[in-house]
């Protein structure tokens, strides 16, 4: 299993710092797990391969292109800073 851990600053609360861990087996397109923490609380979830396909279709994007955007937003951390916005609710 592969994992990444990135620090994010959500636009919904710019002073806050969260850490986002993403874990996957083969590649992100086959689904992945997430853990989000603010250092005090933690939230977990999973995204299935079917959910990735459904979201790509809803956004009218080619599935491969959608997965590439997911990788940029969720895995590249500081390299993507300022290109993607996160909102925590």
PDB file of N, CA and C in Angstrom:
ATOM      1  N   UNK A   1       0.838  -1.177   0.000  1.00  0.00           N
ATOM      2  CA  UNK A   1       0.000   0.000   0.000  1.00  0.00           C
ATOM      3  C   UNK A   1       0.884   1.241   0.000  1.00  0.00           C
ATOM      4  N   UNK A   2       0.527   2.186  -0.825  1.00  0.00           N
ATOM      5  CA  UNK A   2       1.244   3.457  -0.876  1.00  0.00           C
ATOM      6  C   UNK A   2       0.455   4.518  -0.138  1.00  0.00           C
ATOM      7  N   UNK A   3       1.171   5.499   0.420  1.00  0.00           N
ATOM      8  CA  UNK A   3       0.530   6.581   1.179  1.00  0.00           C
ATOM      9  C   UNK A   3       1.257   7.891   0.925  1.00  0.00           C
ATOM     10  N   UNK A   4       0.504   8.977   0.976  1.00  0.00           N
ATOM     11  CA  UNK A   4       1.097  10.306   0.986  1.00  0.00           C
ATOM     12  C   UNK A   4       0.475  11.080   2.136  1.00  0.00           C
ATOM     13  N   UNK A   5       1.199  12.053   2.628  1.00  0.00           N
ATOM     14  CA  UNK A   5       0.703  12.927   3.689  1.00  0.00           C
ATOM     15  C   UNK A   5       1.044  14.350   3.294  1.00  0.00           C
ATOM     16  N   UNK A   6       0.022  15.205   3.231  1.00  0.00           N
ATOM     17  CA  UNK A   6       0.219  16.599   2.844  1.00  0.00           C
ATOM     18  C   UNK A   6      -0.467  17.533   3.823  1.00  0.00           C
ATOM     19  N   UNK A   7       0.134  18.686   4.004  1.00  0.00           N
ATOM     20  CA  UNK A   7      -0.464  19.743   4.817  1.00  0.00           C
ATOM     21  C   UNK A   7      -1.326  20.591   3.892  1.00  0.00           C
ATOM     22  N   UNK A   8      -2.546  20.902   4.337  1.00  0.00           N
ATOM     23  CA  UNK A   8      -3.424  21.758   3.541  1.00  0.00           C
ATOM     24  C   UNK A   8      -3.950  22.896   4.408  1.00  0.00           C
ATOM     25  N   UNK A   9      -4.231  24.007   3.764  1.00  0.00           N
ATOM     26  CA  UNK A   9      -4.823  25.187   4.407  1.00  0.00           C
ATOM     27  C   UNK A   9      -6.139  25.463   3.681  1.00  0.00           C
ATOM     28  N   UNK A  10      -7.260  25.046   4.244  1.00  0.00           N
ATOM     29  CA  UNK A  10      -8.536  25.210   3.534  1.00  0.00           C
ATOM     30  C   UNK A  10      -8.934  26.678   3.391  1.00  0.00           C
ATOM     31  N   UNK A  11      -9.529  27.008   2.251  1.00  0.00           N
ATOM     32  CA  UNK A  11      -9.994  28.372   2.028  1.00  0.00           C
ATOM     33  C   UNK A  11     -11.140  28.720   2.975  1.00  0.00           C
ATOM     34  N   UNK A  12     -11.819  27.694   3.490  1.00  0.00           N
ATOM     35  CA  UNK A  12     -12.921  27.933   4.417  1.00  0.00           C
ATOM     36  C   UNK A  12     -12.419  28.408   5.784  1.00  0.00           C
ATOM     37  N   UNK A  13     -11.126  28.180   6.088  1.00  0.00           N
ATOM     38  CA  UNK A  13     -10.527  28.605   7.357  1.00  0.00           C
ATOM     39  C   UNK A  13      -9.021  28.725   7.138  1.00  0.00           C
ATOM     40  N   UNK A  14      -8.569  29.824   6.499  1.00  0.00           N
ATOM     41  CA  UNK A  14      -7.168  29.962   6.087  1.00  0.00           C
ATOM     42  C   UNK A  14      -6.143  29.886   7.224  1.00  0.00           C
ATOM     43  N   UNK A  15      -6.551  30.163   8.439  1.00  0.00           N
ATOM     44  CA  UNK A  15      -5.623  30.104   9.569  1.00  0.00           C
ATOM     45  C   UNK A  15      -5.411  28.669  10.065  1.00  0.00           C
ATOM     46  N   UNK A  16      -6.304  27.779   9.695  1.00  0.00           N
ATOM     47  CA  UNK A  16      -6.235  26.395  10.163  1.00  0.00           C
ATOM     48  C   UNK A  16      -5.237  25.597   9.329  1.00  0.00           C
ATOM     49  N   UNK A  17      -4.681  24.581   9.963  1.00  0.00           N
ATOM     50  CA  UNK A  17      -3.786  23.657   9.276  1.00  0.00           C
ATOM     51  C   UNK A  17      -4.357  22.249   9.441  1.00  0.00           C
ATOM     52  N   UNK A  18      -4.505  21.562   8.328  1.00  0.00           N
ATOM     53  CA  UNK A  18      -4.979  20.188   8.326  1.00  0.00           C
ATOM     54  C   UNK A  18      -3.924  19.322   7.643  1.00  0.00           C
ATOM     55  N   UNK A  19      -3.971  18.055   7.970  1.00  0.00           N
ATOM     56  CA  UNK A  19      -3.114  17.088   7.304  1.00  0.00           C
ATOM     57  C   UNK A  19      -4.001  16.061   6.625  1.00  0.00           C
ATOM     58  N   UNK A  20      -3.697  15.784   5.370  1.00  0.00           N
ATOM     59  CA  UNK A  20      -4.479  14.866   4.560  1.00  0.00           C
ATOM     60  C   UNK A  20      -3.602  13.689   4.158  1.00  0.00           C
ATOM     61  N   UNK A  21      -4.003  12.501   4.580  1.00  0.00           N
ATOM     62  CA  UNK A  21      -3.302  11.283   4.166  1.00  0.00           C
ATOM     63  C   UNK A  21      -4.176  10.543   3.165  1.00  0.00           C
ATOM     64  N   UNK A  22      -3.572  10.169   2.058  1.00  0.00           N
ATOM     65  CA  UNK A  22      -4.256   9.405   1.025  1.00  0.00           C
ATOM     66  C   UNK A  22      -3.503   8.088   0.875  1.00  0.00           C
ATOM     67  N   UNK A  23      -4.240   6.976   0.857  1.00  0.00           N
ATOM     68  CA  UNK A  23      -3.611   5.660   0.699  1.00  0.00           C
ATOM     69  C   UNK A  23      -4.339   4.876  -0.392  1.00  0.00           C
ATOM     70  N   UNK A  24      -3.566   4.111  -1.160  1.00  0.00           N
ATOM     71  CA  UNK A  24      -4.133   3.345  -2.252  1.00  0.00           C
ATOM     72  C   UNK A  24      -3.309   2.086  -2.485  1.00  0.00           C
ATOM     73  N   UNK A  25      -3.931   1.112  -3.147  1.00  0.00           N
ATOM     74  CA  UNK A  25      -3.268  -0.164  -3.429  1.00  0.00           C
ATOM     75  C   UNK A  25      -2.494  -0.101  -4.747  1.00  0.00           C
ATOM     76  N   UNK A  26      -3.187  -0.270  -5.881  1.00  0.00           N
ATOM     77  CA  UNK A  26      -2.508  -0.309  -7.185  1.00  0.00           C
ATOM     78  C   UNK A  26      -2.239   1.104  -7.697  1.00  0.00           C
ATOM     79  N   UNK A  27      -3.289   1.845  -7.882  1.00  0.00           N
ATOM     80  CA  UNK A  27      -3.177   3.249  -8.268  1.00  0.00           C
ATOM     81  C   UNK A  27      -4.442   3.968  -7.831  1.00  0.00           C
ATOM     82  N   UNK A  28      -4.424   5.266  -7.895  1.00  0.00           N
ATOM     83  CA  UNK A  28      -5.538   6.073  -7.393  1.00  0.00           C
ATOM     84  C   UNK A  28      -6.848   5.755  -8.103  1.00  0.00           C
ATOM     85  N   UNK A  29      -6.784   5.347  -9.362  1.00  0.00           N
ATOM     86  CA  UNK A  29      -8.001   5.106 -10.134  1.00  0.00           C
ATOM     87  C   UNK A  29      -8.790   3.895  -9.645  1.00  0.00           C
ATOM     88  N   UNK A  30      -8.168   3.023  -8.864  1.00  0.00           N
ATOM     89  CA  UNK A  30      -8.876   1.849  -8.349  1.00  0.00           C
ATOM     90  C   UNK A  30      -9.525   2.124  -6.994  1.00  0.00           C
ATOM     91  N   UNK A  31      -9.506   3.373  -6.563  1.00  0.00           N
ATOM     92  CA  UNK A  31     -10.087   3.763  -5.284  1.00  0.00           C
ATOM     93  C   UNK A  31      -8.999   4.056  -4.267  1.00  0.00           C
ATOM     94  N   UNK A  32      -9.372   4.772  -3.207  1.00  0.00           N
ATOM     95  CA  UNK A  32      -8.387   5.163  -2.208  1.00  0.00           C
ATOM     96  C   UNK A  32      -9.065   5.478  -0.884  1.00  0.00           C
ATOM     97  N   UNK A  33      -8.267   5.499   0.153  1.00  0.00           N
ATOM     98  CA  UNK A  33      -8.741   5.881   1.477  1.00  0.00           C
ATOM     99  C   UNK A  33      -8.162   7.231   1.850  1.00  0.00           C
ATOM    100  N   UNK A  34      -8.883   7.968   2.687  1.00  0.00           N
ATOM    101  CA  UNK A  34      -8.385   9.270   3.136  1.00  0.00           C
ATOM    102  C   UNK A  34      -8.544   9.392   4.644  1.00  0.00           C
ATOM    103  N   UNK A  35      -7.616  10.113   5.230  1.00  0.00           N
ATOM    104  CA  UNK A  35      -7.705  10.513   6.631  1.00  0.00           C
ATOM    105  C   UNK A  35      -7.393  12.004   6.656  1.00  0.00           C
ATOM    106  N   UNK A  36      -8.259  12.779   7.266  1.00  0.00           N
ATOM    107  CA  UNK A  36      -8.060  14.215   7.430  1.00  0.00           C
ATOM    108  C   UNK A  36      -8.008  14.496   8.917  1.00  0.00           C
ATOM    109  N   UNK A  37      -6.991  15.250   9.351  1.00  0.00           N
ATOM    110  CA  UNK A  37      -6.900  15.588  10.766  1.00  0.00           C
ATOM    111  C   UNK A  37      -6.484  17.044  10.936  1.00  0.00           C
ATOM    112  N   UNK A  38      -6.975  17.621  12.029  1.00  0.00           N
ATOM    113  CA  UNK A  38      -6.552  18.965  12.408  1.00  0.00           C
ATOM    114  C   UNK A  38      -5.623  18.892  13.622  1.00  0.00           C
ATOM    115  N   UNK A  39      -5.200  17.702  13.971  1.00  0.00           N
ATOM    116  CA  UNK A  39      -4.334  17.491  15.129  1.00  0.00           C
ATOM    117  C   UNK A  39      -5.114  17.177  16.393  1.00  0.00           C
ATOM    118  N   UNK A  40      -6.400  17.482  16.378  1.00  0.00           N
ATOM    119  CA  UNK A  40      -7.260  17.213  17.520  1.00  0.00           C
ATOM    120  C   UNK A  40      -8.315  16.165  17.183  1.00  0.00           C
ATOM    121  N   UNK A  41      -8.849  16.285  15.979  1.00  0.00           N
ATOM    122  CA  UNK A  41      -9.883  15.375  15.488  1.00  0.00           C
ATOM    123  C   UNK A  41      -9.403  14.750  14.187  1.00  0.00           C
ATOM    124  N   UNK A  42      -9.955  13.587  13.861  1.00  0.00           N
ATOM    125  CA  UNK A  42      -9.618  12.931  12.601  1.00  0.00           C
ATOM    126  C   UNK A  42     -10.892  12.399  11.963  1.00  0.00           C
ATOM    127  N   UNK A  43     -10.933  12.472  10.646  1.00  0.00           N
ATOM    128  CA  UNK A  43     -12.062  11.973   9.873  1.00  0.00           C
ATOM    129  C   UNK A  43     -11.511  11.034   8.807  1.00  0.00           C
ATOM    130  N   UNK A  44     -12.207   9.934   8.571  1.00  0.00           N
ATOM    131  CA  UNK A  44     -11.748   8.964   7.584  1.00  0.00           C
ATOM    132  C   UNK A  44     -12.828   8.709   6.549  1.00  0.00           C
ATOM    133  N   UNK A  45     -12.413   8.230   5.407  1.00  0.00           N
ATOM    134  CA  UNK A  45     -13.365   7.885   4.358  1.00  0.00           C
ATOM    135  C   UNK A  45     -12.691   7.084   3.274  1.00  0.00           C
ATOM    136  N   UNK A  46     -13.499   6.548   2.389  1.00  0.00           N
ATOM    137  CA  UNK A  46     -12.982   5.820   1.234  1.00  0.00           C
ATOM    138  C   UNK A  46     -13.704   6.298  -0.017  1.00  0.00           C
ATOM    139  N   UNK A  47     -13.006   6.215  -1.118  1.00  0.00           N
ATOM    140  CA  UNK A  47     -13.564   6.561  -2.421  1.00  0.00           C
ATOM    141  C   UNK A  47     -13.378   5.337  -3.299  1.00  0.00           C
ATOM    142  N   UNK A  48     -14.469   4.804  -3.814  1.00  0.00           N
ATOM    143  CA  UNK A  48     -14.410   3.586  -4.624  1.00  0.00           C
ATOM    144  C   UNK A  48     -14.124   3.909  -6.086  1.00  0.00           C
ATOM    145  N   UNK A  49     -13.752   2.884  -6.816  1.00  0.00           N
ATOM    146  CA  UNK A  49     -13.521   3.024  -8.247  1.00  0.00           C
ATOM    147  C   UNK A  49     -14.798   3.497  -8.944  1.00  0.00           C
ATOM    148  N   UNK A  50     -15.947   2.972  -8.517  1.00  0.00           N
ATOM    149  CA  UNK A  50     -17.228   3.377  -9.097  1.00  0.00           C
ATOM    150  C   UNK A  50     -17.519   4.853  -8.831  1.00  0.00           C
ATOM    151  N   UNK A  51     -17.189   5.329  -7.629  1.00  0.00           N
ATOM    152  CA  UNK A  51     -17.411   6.745  -7.305  1.00  0.00           C
ATOM    153  C   UNK A  51     -16.520   7.651  -8.153  1.00  0.00           C
ATOM    154  N   UNK A  52     -15.303   7.213  -8.421  1.00  0.00           N
ATOM    155  CA  UNK A  52     -14.403   7.985  -9.278  1.00  0.00           C
ATOM    156  C   UNK A  52     -14.997   8.087 -10.683  1.00  0.00           C
ATOM    157  N   UNK A  53     -15.476   6.983 -11.211  1.00  0.00           N
ATOM    158  CA  UNK A  53     -16.088   6.983 -12.545  1.00  0.00           C
ATOM    159  C   UNK A  53     -17.325   7.873 -12.590  1.00  0.00           C
ATOM    160  N   UNK A  54     -18.156   7.777 -11.556  1.00  0.00           N
ATOM    161  CA  UNK A  54     -19.382   8.580 -11.495  1.00  0.00           C
ATOM    162  C   UNK A  54     -19.060  10.077 -11.431  1.00  0.00           C
ATOM    163  N   UNK A  55     -18.097  10.446 -10.615  1.00  0.00           N
ATOM    164  CA  UNK A  55     -17.727  11.861 -10.483  1.00  0.00           C
ATOM    165  C   UNK A  55     -17.139  12.389 -11.794  1.00  0.00           C
ATOM    166  N   UNK A  56     -16.310  11.594 -12.448  1.00  0.00           N
ATOM    167  CA  UNK A  56     -15.749  12.012 -13.740  1.00  0.00           C
ATOM    168  C   UNK A  56     -16.870  12.249 -14.751  1.00  0.00           C
ATOM    169  N   UNK A  57     -17.837  11.344 -14.786  1.00  0.00           N
ATOM    170  CA  UNK A  57     -18.968  11.498 -15.705  1.00  0.00           C
ATOM    171  C   UNK A  57     -19.792  12.731 -15.360  1.00  0.00           C
ATOM    172  N   UNK A  58     -20.032  12.974 -14.065  1.00  0.00           N
ATOM    173  CA  UNK A  58     -20.793  14.150 -13.637  1.00  0.00           C
ATOM    174  C   UNK A  58     -20.102  15.444 -14.063  1.00  0.00           C
ATOM    175  N   UNK A  59     -18.772  15.428 -14.043  1.00  0.00           N
ATOM    176  CA  UNK A  59     -18.008  16.617 -14.425  1.00  0.00           C
ATOM    177  C   UNK A  59     -17.726  16.666 -15.916  1.00  0.00           C
ATOM    178  N   UNK A  60     -18.243  15.657 -16.637  1.00  0.00           N
ATOM    179  CA  UNK A  60     -18.057  15.550 -18.080  1.00  0.00           C
ATOM    180  C   UNK A  60     -16.583  15.550 -18.460  1.00  0.00           C
ATOM    181  N   UNK A  61     -15.797  14.798 -17.675  1.00  0.00           N
ATOM    182  CA  UNK A  61     -14.372  14.646 -17.939  1.00  0.00           C
ATOM    183  C   UNK A  61     -14.072  13.199 -18.292  1.00  0.00           C
ATOM    184  N   UNK A  62     -13.105  13.015 -19.153  1.00  0.00           N
ATOM    185  CA  UNK A  62     -12.567  11.695 -19.419  1.00  0.00           C
ATOM    186  C   UNK A  62     -12.060  11.148 -18.083  1.00  0.00           C
ATOM    187  N   UNK A  63     -12.324   9.882 -17.786  1.00  0.00           N
ATOM    188  CA  UNK A  63     -11.955   9.293 -16.492  1.00  0.00           C
ATOM    189  C   UNK A  63     -10.461   9.420 -16.203  1.00  0.00           C
ATOM    190  N   UNK A  64      -9.618   9.174 -17.196  1.00  0.00           N
ATOM    191  CA  UNK A  64      -8.177   9.270 -17.010  1.00  0.00           C
ATOM    192  C   UNK A  64      -7.751  10.694 -16.663  1.00  0.00           C
ATOM    193  N   UNK A  65      -8.365  11.673 -17.331  1.00  0.00           N
ATOM    194  CA  UNK A  65      -8.070  13.087 -17.051  1.00  0.00           C
ATOM    195  C   UNK A  65      -8.499  13.434 -15.631  1.00  0.00           C
ATOM    196  N   UNK A  66      -9.659  12.934 -15.217  1.00  0.00           N
ATOM    197  CA  UNK A  66     -10.148  13.179 -13.860  1.00  0.00           C
ATOM    198  C   UNK A  66      -9.183  12.603 -12.822  1.00  0.00           C
ATOM    199  N   UNK A  67      -8.690  11.392 -13.067  1.00  0.00           N
ATOM    200  CA  UNK A  67      -7.749  10.765 -12.132  1.00  0.00           C
ATOM    201  C   UNK A  67      -6.451  11.562 -12.080  1.00  0.00           C
ATOM    202  N   UNK A  68      -5.990  12.073 -13.210  1.00  0.00           N
ATOM    203  CA  UNK A  68      -4.779  12.908 -13.212  1.00  0.00           C
ATOM    204  C   UNK A  68      -4.976  14.158 -12.362  1.00  0.00           C
ATOM    205  N   UNK A  69      -6.157  14.774 -12.457  1.00  0.00           N
ATOM    206  CA  UNK A  69      -6.445  15.952 -11.636  1.00  0.00           C
ATOM    207  C   UNK A  69      -6.504  15.585 -10.148  1.00  0.00           C
ATOM    208  N   UNK A  70      -7.084  14.418  -9.839  1.00  0.00           N
ATOM    209  CA  UNK A  70      -7.091  13.952  -8.449  1.00  0.00           C
ATOM    210  C   UNK A  70      -5.677  13.813  -7.915  1.00  0.00           C
ATOM    211  N   UNK A  71      -4.807  13.213  -8.716  1.00  0.00           N
ATOM    212  CA  UNK A  71      -3.417  13.043  -8.300  1.00  0.00           C
ATOM    213  C   UNK A  71      -2.762  14.382  -8.006  1.00  0.00           C
ATOM    214  N   UNK A  72      -2.965  15.341  -8.877  1.00  0.00           N
ATOM    215  CA  UNK A  72      -2.374  16.663  -8.682  1.00  0.00           C
ATOM    216  C   UNK A  72      -2.902  17.314  -7.401  1.00  0.00           C
ATOM    217  N   UNK A  73      -4.191  17.219  -7.183  1.00  0.00           N
ATOM    218  CA  UNK A  73      -4.806  17.879  -6.025  1.00  0.00           C
ATOM    219  C   UNK A  73      -4.490  17.177  -4.710  1.00  0.00           C
ATOM    220  N   UNK A  74      -4.483  15.850  -4.711  1.00  0.00           N
ATOM    221  CA  UNK A  74      -4.373  15.106  -3.456  1.00  0.00           C
ATOM    222  C   UNK A  74      -2.976  14.609  -3.124  1.00  0.00           C
ATOM    223  N   UNK A  75      -2.124  14.426  -4.117  1.00  0.00           N
ATOM    224  CA  UNK A  75      -0.846  13.779  -3.864  1.00  0.00           C
ATOM    225  C   UNK A  75       0.367  14.686  -3.982  1.00  0.00           C
ATOM    226  N   UNK A  76       0.272  15.782  -4.716  1.00  0.00           N
ATOM    227  CA  UNK A  76       1.464  16.565  -4.988  1.00  0.00           C
ATOM    228  C   UNK A  76       1.754  17.654  -3.966  1.00  0.00           C
ATOM    229  N   UNK A  77       0.878  17.844  -3.008  1.00  0.00           N
ATOM    230  CA  UNK A  77       1.144  18.748  -1.890  1.00  0.00           C
ATOM    231  C   UNK A  77       1.599  20.133  -2.294  1.00  0.00           C
ATOM    232  N   UNK A  78       2.794  20.517  -1.827  1.00  0.00           N
ATOM    233  CA  UNK A  78       3.325  21.863  -2.042  1.00  0.00           C
ATOM    234  C   UNK A  78       3.492  22.204  -3.523  1.00  0.00           C
ATOM    235  N   UNK A  79       3.722  21.198  -4.361  1.00  0.00           N
ATOM    236  CA  UNK A  79       3.856  21.433  -5.798  1.00  0.00           C
ATOM    237  C   UNK A  79       2.574  22.023  -6.386  1.00  0.00           C
ATOM    238  N   UNK A  80       1.430  21.679  -5.782  1.00  0.00           N
ATOM    239  CA  UNK A  80       0.137  22.139  -6.284  1.00  0.00           C
ATOM    240  C   UNK A  80      -0.438  23.286  -5.458  1.00  0.00           C
ATOM    241  N   UNK A  81       0.315  23.780  -4.487  1.00  0.00           N
ATOM    242  CA  UNK A  81      -0.187  24.864  -3.628  1.00  0.00           C
ATOM    243  C   UNK A  81      -0.629  26.047  -4.480  1.00  0.00           C
ATOM    244  N   UNK A  82      -1.794  26.567  -4.189  1.00  0.00           N
ATOM    245  CA  UNK A  82      -2.339  27.699  -4.920  1.00  0.00           C
ATOM    246  C   UNK A  82      -3.118  27.306  -6.170  1.00  0.00           C
ATOM    247  N   UNK A  83      -2.997  26.069  -6.618  1.00  0.00           N
ATOM    248  CA  UNK A  83      -3.714  25.617  -7.806  1.00  0.00           C
ATOM    249  C   UNK A  83      -5.048  24.964  -7.455  1.00  0.00           C
ATOM    250  N   UNK A  84      -5.136  24.424  -6.234  1.00  0.00           N
ATOM    251  CA  UNK A  84      -6.337  23.731  -5.794  1.00  0.00           C
ATOM    252  C   UNK A  84      -6.771  24.306  -4.453  1.00  0.00           C
ATOM    253  N   UNK A  85      -8.075  24.473  -4.280  1.00  0.00           N
ATOM    254  CA  UNK A  85      -8.627  24.986  -3.031  1.00  0.00           C
ATOM    255  C   UNK A  85      -9.384  23.878  -2.309  1.00  0.00           C
ATOM    256  N   UNK A  86      -9.222  23.845  -0.995  1.00  0.00           N
ATOM    257  CA  UNK A  86      -9.916  22.879  -0.164  1.00  0.00           C
ATOM    258  C   UNK A  86     -10.863  23.619   0.762  1.00  0.00           C
ATOM    259  N   UNK A  87     -12.038  23.057   0.954  1.00  0.00           N
ATOM    260  CA  UNK A  87     -13.020  23.580   1.892  1.00  0.00           C
ATOM    261  C   UNK A  87     -13.379  22.460   2.844  1.00  0.00           C
ATOM    262  N   UNK A  88     -13.346  22.762   4.129  1.00  0.00           N
ATOM    263  CA  UNK A  88     -13.700  21.774   5.140  1.00  0.00           C
ATOM    264  C   UNK A  88     -15.060  22.155   5.706  1.00  0.00           C
ATOM    265  N   UNK A  89     -15.990  21.210   5.676  1.00  0.00           N
ATOM    266  CA  UNK A  89     -17.329  21.489   6.233  1.00  0.00           C
ATOM    267  C   UNK A  89     -17.848  20.284   6.951  1.00  0.00           C
TER     268      UNK A  89
END
